[in-house]
Amino acid sequence: MKYSYTVIIKMVLFIIGIFIFYPIVNKYLNNLLGIKEGFVEGFVWSKATVKNFNEYQDTVNLNNSQFNMRVLQEQASEDEAKELLRTGYWPWSEDTKKQYIEGVWQNTMLKFDPDAALDYAMKLYNETAAKKLLSWNTKEGQFLLYGSNVNNDNKNIIGIDSDGNGISDAGNIAQKSVIKCSDDPKSVLQKTTINGYDLFSGYKNTTTVNIDPKEVPGFSFVRGECNPCAPLYSDYSCPFKLNVEGNNEISDVWKELWLL
């Protein structure tokens, strides 16, 4: 099929137009939809700031700490990075400073001077990273990391044997089931129940099933049903409450992470 010169010229101009106007239109659509270039979420630093940050780590910080620059730019803004370079400290809010000092005081295994610990931490961690560290030391964080033990139904626990198993009033082993987030990128709550031991290998026979979070004693959603394991992959869209020893309040750091 033959085309006239006019049609060919129009086609060429159309293709050229796509290359010229696409970046403009794409940027307009991204701004309209709230999409940031570079990362799906987070910040993008200028090349100069990235260069200065790397030089700072090599000289002032003596390269003692290694940073994943992609993760770092997801956590901290360029202005925060510039303040670190200017002052030697990441900017933290007063609430985060208070929570960190309280966390140091509550540590029963190791004792540090709270002010010295805070000074060291602000040189190393941006505020988002600090909040994540603090969050794991709360009842919500401990639940996400280690799960919850629950007694199997219809067994009255009256004692513990040498292996840590509960002994029922009938003299039978009444093992506890463990409810815990699964170990995968899209973690979900699972309950693992011990069904006795293999007579030949001695290994425990277990059954693991996905469960409804409402099966967790003292658990309740805040905004509706969702995946409570989401924070394990940095998704803070599923706030929940845990009633532990009569305390149903959400920890302060989780209120901030969940934007409550």
C-alpha atoms as a PDB file:
ATOM      1  CA  MET A   1       0.000   0.000   0.000  1.00  0.00           C
ATOM      2  CA  LYS A   2       1.406   3.372  -1.000  1.00  0.00           C
ATOM      3  CA  TYR A   3       1.027   6.488   1.097  1.00  0.00           C
ATOM      4  CA  SER A   4       1.135  10.078  -0.148  1.00  0.00           C
ATOM      5  CA  TYR A   5       3.851  12.360   1.066  1.00  0.00           C
ATOM      6  CA  THR A   6       1.227  14.308   3.049  1.00  0.00           C
ATOM      7  CA  VAL A   7       0.151  11.213   5.018  1.00  0.00           C
ATOM      8  CA  ILE A   8       3.771  10.220   5.706  1.00  0.00           C
ATOM      9  CA  ILE A   9       4.615  13.710   6.959  1.00  0.00           C
ATOM     10  CA  LYS A  10       1.557  13.691   9.261  1.00  0.00           C
ATOM     11  CA  MET A  11       2.582  10.316  10.680  1.00  0.00           C
ATOM     12  CA  VAL A  12       6.135  11.528  11.325  1.00  0.00           C
ATOM     13  CA  LEU A  13       4.892  14.696  13.015  1.00  0.00           C
ATOM     14  CA  PHE A  14       2.495  12.650  15.159  1.00  0.00           C
ATOM     15  CA  ILE A  15       5.316  10.392  16.385  1.00  0.00           C
ATOM     16  CA  ILE A  16       7.546  13.395  17.098  1.00  0.00           C
ATOM     17  CA  GLY A  17       4.679  15.015  18.995  1.00  0.00           C
ATOM     18  CA  ILE A  18       4.334  11.978  21.235  1.00  0.00           C
ATOM     19  CA  PHE A  19       7.997  12.162  22.265  1.00  0.00           C
ATOM     20  CA  ILE A  20       7.813  15.928  22.837  1.00  0.00           C
ATOM     21  CA  PHE A  21       4.582  16.139  24.814  1.00  0.00           C
ATOM     22  CA  TYR A  22       4.545  12.789  26.641  1.00  0.00           C
ATOM     23  CA  PRO A  23       6.839  13.920  29.507  1.00  0.00           C
ATOM     24  CA  ILE A  24       4.702  17.023  30.043  1.00  0.00           C
ATOM     25  CA  VAL A  25       1.406  15.138  29.962  1.00  0.00           C
ATOM     26  CA  ASN A  26       2.810  12.332  32.138  1.00  0.00           C
ATOM     27  CA  LYS A  27       4.040  14.789  34.766  1.00  0.00           C
ATOM     28  CA  TYR A  28       0.669  16.545  34.760  1.00  0.00           C
ATOM     29  CA  LEU A  29      -1.181  13.250  35.275  1.00  0.00           C
ATOM     30  CA  ASN A  30       1.206  12.199  38.051  1.00  0.00           C
ATOM     31  CA  ASN A  31       0.624  15.495  39.866  1.00  0.00           C
ATOM     32  CA  LEU A  32      -3.121  15.150  39.366  1.00  0.00           C
ATOM     33  CA  LEU A  33      -3.129  11.619  40.800  1.00  0.00           C
ATOM     34  CA  GLY A  34      -0.622  12.391  43.533  1.00  0.00           C
ATOM     35  CA  ILE A  35       2.010  10.022  42.109  1.00  0.00           C
ATOM     36  CA  LYS A  36       5.650  10.862  42.897  1.00  0.00           C
ATOM     37  CA  GLU A  37       8.366   9.978  40.451  1.00  0.00           C
ATOM     38  CA  GLY A  38      11.158   7.683  41.576  1.00  0.00           C
ATOM     39  CA  PHE A  39       9.418   5.846  44.418  1.00  0.00           C
ATOM     40  CA  VAL A  40       5.862   4.680  44.847  1.00  0.00           C
ATOM     41  CA  GLU A  41       5.907   6.214  48.312  1.00  0.00           C
ATOM     42  CA  GLY A  42       8.435   8.394  50.059  1.00  0.00           C
ATOM     43  CA  PHE A  43      10.841  11.093  48.992  1.00  0.00           C
ATOM     44  CA  VAL A  44      13.410  11.653  46.269  1.00  0.00           C
ATOM     45  CA  TRP A  45      16.600  13.499  47.142  1.00  0.00           C
ATOM     46  CA  SER A  46      18.584  15.539  44.671  1.00  0.00           C
ATOM     47  CA  LYS A  47      21.822  14.075  43.324  1.00  0.00           C
ATOM     48  CA  ALA A  48      23.753  16.741  45.234  1.00  0.00           C
ATOM     49  CA  THR A  49      22.184  15.733  48.573  1.00  0.00           C
ATOM     50  CA  VAL A  50      22.831  12.035  47.908  1.00  0.00           C
ATOM     51  CA  LYS A  51      26.463  12.854  47.093  1.00  0.00           C
ATOM     52  CA  ASN A  52      26.849  15.005  50.222  1.00  0.00           C
ATOM     53  CA  PHE A  53      25.234  12.321  52.380  1.00  0.00           C
ATOM     54  CA  ASN A  54      27.621   9.644  51.102  1.00  0.00           C
ATOM     55  CA  GLU A  55      30.588  11.962  51.711  1.00  0.00           C
ATOM     56  CA  TYR A  56      29.288  12.632  55.234  1.00  0.00           C
ATOM     57  CA  GLN A  57      29.124   8.894  55.922  1.00  0.00           C
ATOM     58  CA  ASP A  58      32.670   8.378  54.626  1.00  0.00           C
ATOM     59  CA  THR A  59      34.194  11.248  56.613  1.00  0.00           C
ATOM     60  CA  VAL A  60      32.243  12.360  59.689  1.00  0.00           C
ATOM     61  CA  ASN A  61      30.626   8.974  60.309  1.00  0.00           C
ATOM     62  CA  LEU A  62      33.821   7.118  59.282  1.00  0.00           C
ATOM     63  CA  ASN A  63      31.616   4.742  57.263  1.00  0.00           C
ATOM     64  CA  ASN A  64      30.596   2.969  60.508  1.00  0.00           C
ATOM     65  CA  SER A  65      27.023   2.472  59.303  1.00  0.00           C
ATOM     66  CA  GLN A  66      25.777   1.214  55.963  1.00  0.00           C
ATOM     67  CA  PHE A  67      22.492   2.581  54.580  1.00  0.00           C
ATOM     68  CA  ASN A  68      20.161   1.341  51.869  1.00  0.00           C
ATOM     69  CA  MET A  69      19.656   4.622  50.012  1.00  0.00           C
ATOM     70  CA  ARG A  70      16.332   3.548  48.546  1.00  0.00           C
ATOM     71  CA  VAL A  71      14.896   2.708  51.976  1.00  0.00           C
ATOM     72  CA  LEU A  72      16.424   5.844  53.481  1.00  0.00           C
ATOM     73  CA  GLN A  73      14.743   8.055  50.885  1.00  0.00           C
ATOM     74  CA  GLU A  74      11.439   6.314  51.584  1.00  0.00           C
ATOM     75  CA  GLN A  75      11.787   7.227  55.266  1.00  0.00           C
ATOM     76  CA  ALA A  76      13.293  10.708  55.347  1.00  0.00           C
ATOM     77  CA  SER A  77      12.788  13.876  53.331  1.00  0.00           C
ATOM     78  CA  GLU A  78      15.600  15.795  51.700  1.00  0.00           C
ATOM     79  CA  ASP A  79      15.183  18.594  54.255  1.00  0.00           C
ATOM     80  CA  GLU A  80      15.708  16.078  57.060  1.00  0.00           C
ATOM     81  CA  ALA A  81      18.864  14.833  55.354  1.00  0.00           C
ATOM     82  CA  LYS A  82      20.135  18.392  54.980  1.00  0.00           C
ATOM     83  CA  GLU A  83      19.585  19.027  58.688  1.00  0.00           C
ATOM     84  CA  LEU A  84      21.626  15.931  59.507  1.00  0.00           C
ATOM     85  CA  LEU A  85      24.434  17.194  57.290  1.00  0.00           C
ATOM     86  CA  ARG A  86      24.237  20.659  58.871  1.00  0.00           C
ATOM     87  CA  THR A  87      23.909  19.698  62.560  1.00  0.00           C
ATOM     88  CA  GLY A  88      25.005  16.062  62.821  1.00  0.00           C
ATOM     89  CA  TYR A  89      21.564  15.003  64.076  1.00  0.00           C
ATOM     90  CA  TRP A  90      18.384  13.774  62.401  1.00  0.00           C
ATOM     91  CA  PRO A  91      15.431  15.979  63.364  1.00  0.00           C
ATOM     92  CA  TRP A  92      13.054  14.278  65.816  1.00  0.00           C
ATOM     93  CA  SER A  93       9.831  15.570  67.316  1.00  0.00           C
ATOM     94  CA  GLU A  94       9.634  16.070  71.073  1.00  0.00           C
ATOM     95  CA  ASP A  95       7.145  13.174  71.314  1.00  0.00           C
ATOM     96  CA  THR A  96       9.587  10.779  69.645  1.00  0.00           C
ATOM     97  CA  LYS A  97      12.409  11.929  71.928  1.00  0.00           C
ATOM     98  CA  LYS A  98      10.204  11.342  74.971  1.00  0.00           C
ATOM     99  CA  GLN A  99       9.154   7.891  73.772  1.00  0.00           C
ATOM    100  CA  TYR A 100      12.769   6.911  73.109  1.00  0.00           C
ATOM    101  CA  ILE A 101      13.923   7.979  76.568  1.00  0.00           C
ATOM    102  CA  GLU A 102      11.016   6.073  78.146  1.00  0.00           C
ATOM    103  CA  GLY A 103      12.022   3.023  76.113  1.00  0.00           C
ATOM    104  CA  VAL A 104      15.580   3.254  77.454  1.00  0.00           C
ATOM    105  CA  TRP A 105      14.314   3.523  81.034  1.00  0.00           C
ATOM    106  CA  GLN A 106      12.087   0.469  80.576  1.00  0.00           C
ATOM    107  CA  ASN A 107      14.907  -1.732  79.298  1.00  0.00           C
ATOM    108  CA  THR A 108      15.521  -4.174  82.153  1.00  0.00           C
ATOM    109  CA  MET A 109      18.389  -6.050  80.465  1.00  0.00           C
ATOM    110  CA  LEU A 110      20.719  -3.172  79.625  1.00  0.00           C
ATOM    111  CA  LYS A 111      21.014   0.198  81.309  1.00  0.00           C
ATOM    112  CA  PHE A 112      22.211   3.331  79.528  1.00  0.00           C
ATOM    113  CA  ASP A 113      22.205   6.984  80.367  1.00  0.00           C
ATOM    114  CA  PRO A 114      18.972   8.109  78.609  1.00  0.00           C
ATOM    115  CA  ASP A 115      20.401  11.412  77.360  1.00  0.00           C
ATOM    116  CA  ALA A 116      23.522   9.708  75.980  1.00  0.00           C
ATOM    117  CA  ALA A 117      21.382   7.032  74.327  1.00  0.00           C
ATOM    118  CA  LEU A 118      19.162   9.685  72.738  1.00  0.00           C
ATOM    119  CA  ASP A 119      22.178  11.655  71.503  1.00  0.00           C
ATOM    120  CA  TYR A 120      23.632   8.543  69.861  1.00  0.00           C
ATOM    121  CA  ALA A 121      20.327   7.473  68.312  1.00  0.00           C
ATOM    122  CA  MET A 122      19.598  10.870  66.740  1.00  0.00           C
ATOM    123  CA  LYS A 123      22.967  10.765  64.997  1.00  0.00           C
ATOM    124  CA  LEU A 124      22.157   7.381  63.472  1.00  0.00           C
ATOM    125  CA  TYR A 125      18.392   6.993  62.938  1.00  0.00           C
ATOM    126  CA  ASN A 126      15.971   9.212  61.089  1.00  0.00           C
ATOM    127  CA  GLU A 127      12.673   9.731  62.920  1.00  0.00           C
ATOM    128  CA  THR A 128      10.691   7.211  60.863  1.00  0.00           C
ATOM    129  CA  ALA A 129      13.298   4.508  61.528  1.00  0.00           C
ATOM    130  CA  ALA A 130      13.337   5.413  65.226  1.00  0.00           C
ATOM    131  CA  LYS A 131       9.562   5.063  65.471  1.00  0.00           C
ATOM    132  CA  LYS A 132       9.738   1.623  63.870  1.00  0.00           C
ATOM    133  CA  LEU A 133      12.387   0.542  66.382  1.00  0.00           C
ATOM    134  CA  LEU A 134      10.272   1.834  69.261  1.00  0.00           C
ATOM    135  CA  SER A 135       7.168   0.125  67.900  1.00  0.00           C
ATOM    136  CA  TRP A 136       8.634  -3.382  68.209  1.00  0.00           C
ATOM    137  CA  ASN A 137       9.131  -2.947  71.957  1.00  0.00           C
ATOM    138  CA  THR A 138       5.402  -2.403  72.599  1.00  0.00           C
ATOM    139  CA  LYS A 139       2.669  -4.986  73.145  1.00  0.00           C
ATOM    140  CA  GLU A 140       1.580  -4.527  69.514  1.00  0.00           C
ATOM    141  CA  GLY A 141       5.127  -4.997  68.257  1.00  0.00           C
ATOM    142  CA  GLN A 142       5.740  -8.049  70.437  1.00  0.00           C
ATOM    143  CA  PHE A 143       2.523  -9.607  69.131  1.00  0.00           C
ATOM    144  CA  LEU A 144       3.567  -9.017  65.510  1.00  0.00           C
ATOM    145  CA  LEU A 145       7.065 -10.407  66.056  1.00  0.00           C
ATOM    146  CA  TYR A 146       6.403 -13.324  68.384  1.00  0.00           C
ATOM    147  CA  GLY A 147       2.673 -14.001  68.278  1.00  0.00           C
ATOM    148  CA  SER A 148       0.368 -15.153  71.046  1.00  0.00           C
ATOM    149  CA  ASN A 149       0.008 -18.484  72.881  1.00  0.00           C
ATOM    150  CA  VAL A 150      -3.501 -19.831  73.413  1.00  0.00           C
ATOM    151  CA  ASN A 151      -4.653 -22.995  75.187  1.00  0.00           C
ATOM    152  CA  ASN A 152      -6.444 -25.577  73.084  1.00  0.00           C
ATOM    153  CA  ASP A 153     -10.182 -25.809  73.700  1.00  0.00           C
ATOM    154  CA  ASN A 154     -11.726 -28.144  76.285  1.00  0.00           C
ATOM    155  CA  LYS A 155      -8.502 -28.783  78.191  1.00  0.00           C
ATOM    156  CA  ASN A 156      -8.014 -27.592  81.739  1.00  0.00           C
ATOM    157  CA  ILE A 157      -4.350 -26.696  82.238  1.00  0.00           C
ATOM    158  CA  ILE A 158      -3.183 -27.639  85.737  1.00  0.00           C
ATOM    159  CA  GLY A 159       0.600 -27.748  85.314  1.00  0.00           C
ATOM    160  CA  ILE A 160       3.619 -27.676  83.000  1.00  0.00           C
ATOM    161  CA  ASP A 161       5.842 -30.616  82.087  1.00  0.00           C
ATOM    162  CA  SER A 162       9.632 -30.544  81.517  1.00  0.00           C
ATOM    163  CA  ASP A 163       9.147 -29.671  77.830  1.00  0.00           C
ATOM    164  CA  GLY A 164       6.986 -26.678  78.591  1.00  0.00           C
ATOM    165  CA  ASN A 165       3.723 -28.381  77.608  1.00  0.00           C
ATOM    166  CA  GLY A 166       0.589 -27.858  79.664  1.00  0.00           C
ATOM    167  CA  ILE A 167      -0.756 -30.892  81.572  1.00  0.00           C
ATOM    168  CA  SER A 168      -4.535 -31.299  81.686  1.00  0.00           C
ATOM    169  CA  ASP A 169      -6.500 -32.515  84.697  1.00  0.00           C
ATOM    170  CA  ALA A 170      -6.881 -35.875  82.901  1.00  0.00           C
ATOM    171  CA  GLY A 171      -3.105 -36.286  82.816  1.00  0.00           C
ATOM    172  CA  ASN A 172      -2.876 -35.678  79.070  1.00  0.00           C
ATOM    173  CA  ILE A 173      -0.554 -33.234  77.388  1.00  0.00           C
ATOM    174  CA  ALA A 174      -2.511 -30.070  76.567  1.00  0.00           C
ATOM    175  CA  GLN A 175      -0.197 -28.189  74.230  1.00  0.00           C
ATOM    176  CA  LYS A 176      -0.685 -24.547  73.503  1.00  0.00           C
ATOM    177  CA  SER A 177      -1.479 -23.327  70.021  1.00  0.00           C
ATOM    178  CA  VAL A 178       0.593 -20.419  68.738  1.00  0.00           C
ATOM    179  CA  ILE A 179      -1.058 -17.610  66.785  1.00  0.00           C
ATOM    180  CA  LYS A 180       1.558 -15.713  64.790  1.00  0.00           C
ATOM    181  CA  CYS A 181       2.054 -13.817  61.552  1.00  0.00           C
ATOM    182  CA  SER A 182       3.359 -16.062  58.795  1.00  0.00           C
ATOM    183  CA  ASP A 183       6.891 -15.699  57.453  1.00  0.00           C
ATOM    184  CA  ASP A 184       6.287 -14.415  53.946  1.00  0.00           C
ATOM    185  CA  PRO A 185       6.205 -11.042  52.144  1.00  0.00           C
ATOM    186  CA  LYS A 186       2.413 -10.775  52.504  1.00  0.00           C
ATOM    187  CA  SER A 187       2.152 -12.120  56.034  1.00  0.00           C
ATOM    188  CA  VAL A 188      -1.188 -13.279  57.461  1.00  0.00           C
ATOM    189  CA  LEU A 189      -2.223 -14.592  60.867  1.00  0.00           C
ATOM    190  CA  GLN A 190      -1.853 -18.337  61.305  1.00  0.00           C
ATOM    191  CA  LYS A 191      -2.478 -20.756  64.173  1.00  0.00           C
ATOM    192  CA  THR A 192      -0.073 -23.636  64.667  1.00  0.00           C
ATOM    193  CA  THR A 193      -1.308 -26.491  66.870  1.00  0.00           C
ATOM    194  CA  ILE A 194       0.815 -29.365  68.186  1.00  0.00           C
ATOM    195  CA  ASN A 195      -0.861 -32.725  67.634  1.00  0.00           C
ATOM    196  CA  GLY A 196       1.620 -34.876  69.522  1.00  0.00           C
ATOM    197  CA  TYR A 197       5.033 -36.277  68.576  1.00  0.00           C
ATOM    198  CA  ASP A 198       6.297 -38.639  65.897  1.00  0.00           C
ATOM    199  CA  LEU A 199       7.304 -41.865  67.669  1.00  0.00           C
ATOM    200  CA  PHE A 200      10.220 -42.501  65.315  1.00  0.00           C
ATOM    201  CA  SER A 201      11.775 -39.063  64.767  1.00  0.00           C
ATOM    202  CA  GLY A 202      10.655 -37.365  67.953  1.00  0.00           C
ATOM    203  CA  TYR A 203       9.572 -34.272  65.988  1.00  0.00           C
ATOM    204  CA  LYS A 204       6.364 -32.474  66.823  1.00  0.00           C
ATOM    205  CA  ASN A 205       3.373 -33.077  64.539  1.00  0.00           C
ATOM    206  CA  THR A 206       1.820 -29.704  63.880  1.00  0.00           C
ATOM    207  CA  THR A 207      -1.107 -28.294  61.950  1.00  0.00           C
ATOM    208  CA  THR A 208      -0.998 -24.710  60.649  1.00  0.00           C
ATOM    209  CA  VAL A 209      -4.056 -22.865  59.327  1.00  0.00           C
ATOM    210  CA  ASN A 210      -4.896 -19.270  58.464  1.00  0.00           C
ATOM    211  CA  ILE A 211      -7.261 -17.770  61.015  1.00  0.00           C
ATOM    212  CA  ASP A 212      -9.551 -14.816  61.599  1.00  0.00           C
ATOM    213  CA  PRO A 213      -7.751 -12.223  63.790  1.00  0.00           C
ATOM    214  CA  LYS A 214     -10.802 -12.177  66.052  1.00  0.00           C
ATOM    215  CA  GLU A 215      -9.680 -15.558  67.371  1.00  0.00           C
ATOM    216  CA  VAL A 216      -6.779 -13.821  69.140  1.00  0.00           C
ATOM    217  CA  PRO A 217      -7.678 -13.234  72.817  1.00  0.00           C
ATOM    218  CA  GLY A 218      -8.119  -9.518  73.513  1.00  0.00           C
ATOM    219  CA  PHE A 219      -7.815  -8.514  69.825  1.00  0.00           C
ATOM    220  CA  SER A 220     -10.111  -5.997  68.115  1.00  0.00           C
ATOM    221  CA  PHE A 221     -10.014  -3.882  64.943  1.00  0.00           C
ATOM    222  CA  VAL A 222     -10.149  -0.078  65.063  1.00  0.00           C
ATOM    223  CA  ARG A 223     -11.498   0.830  61.615  1.00  0.00           C
ATOM    224  CA  GLY A 224     -12.809  -2.473  60.339  1.00  0.00           C
ATOM    225  CA  GLU A 225     -11.434  -5.816  59.237  1.00  0.00           C
ATOM    226  CA  CYS A 226      -8.019  -5.788  57.544  1.00  0.00           C
ATOM    227  CA  ASN A 227      -4.655  -7.566  57.767  1.00  0.00           C
ATOM    228  CA  PRO A 228      -3.041  -6.878  61.188  1.00  0.00           C
ATOM    229  CA  CYS A 229       0.286  -8.299  59.961  1.00  0.00           C
ATOM    230  CA  ALA A 230       0.630  -5.446  57.446  1.00  0.00           C
ATOM    231  CA  PRO A 231       3.222  -3.474  59.511  1.00  0.00           C
ATOM    232  CA  LEU A 232       5.715  -6.297  58.959  1.00  0.00           C
ATOM    233  CA  TYR A 233       5.996  -5.064  55.369  1.00  0.00           C
ATOM    234  CA  SER A 234       5.754  -1.345  56.245  1.00  0.00           C
ATOM    235  CA  ASP A 235       2.017  -0.984  55.628  1.00  0.00           C
ATOM    236  CA  TYR A 236       0.346   0.972  58.426  1.00  0.00           C
ATOM    237  CA  SER A 237      -3.235   0.854  57.161  1.00  0.00           C
ATOM    238  CA  CYS A 238      -4.643  -1.680  59.665  1.00  0.00           C
ATOM    239  CA  PRO A 239      -4.848  -0.341  63.232  1.00  0.00           C
ATOM    240  CA  PHE A 240      -5.895  -2.722  65.995  1.00  0.00           C
ATOM    241  CA  LYS A 241      -6.171  -2.974  69.777  1.00  0.00           C
ATOM    242  CA  LEU A 242      -4.808  -5.598  72.156  1.00  0.00           C
ATOM    243  CA  ASN A 243      -6.294  -5.995  75.612  1.00  0.00           C
ATOM    244  CA  VAL A 244      -3.343  -7.110  77.723  1.00  0.00           C
ATOM    245  CA  GLU A 245      -3.920  -7.451  81.458  1.00  0.00           C
ATOM    246  CA  GLY A 246      -6.865  -5.062  81.293  1.00  0.00           C
ATOM    247  CA  ASN A 247      -4.992  -2.433  79.231  1.00  0.00           C
ATOM    248  CA  ASN A 248      -6.824  -1.829  75.957  1.00  0.00           C
ATOM    249  CA  GLU A 249      -5.037   1.427  75.078  1.00  0.00           C
ATOM    250  CA  ILE A 250      -3.021   1.676  71.869  1.00  0.00           C
ATOM    251  CA  SER A 251       0.669   2.453  72.444  1.00  0.00           C
ATOM    252  CA  ASP A 252       1.613   6.056  71.600  1.00  0.00           C
ATOM    253  CA  VAL A 253       4.088   5.174  68.839  1.00  0.00           C
ATOM    254  CA  TRP A 254       1.482   3.000  67.110  1.00  0.00           C
ATOM    255  CA  LYS A 255      -1.036   5.839  67.271  1.00  0.00           C
ATOM    256  CA  GLU A 256       1.458   7.894  65.270  1.00  0.00           C
ATOM    257  CA  LEU A 257       2.292   5.126  62.798  1.00  0.00           C
ATOM    258  CA  TRP A 258      -1.404   4.409  62.263  1.00  0.00           C
ATOM    259  CA  LEU A 259      -2.239   8.149  62.135  1.00  0.00           C
ATOM    260  CA  LEU A 260      -4.861   7.855  64.882  1.00  0.00           C
END
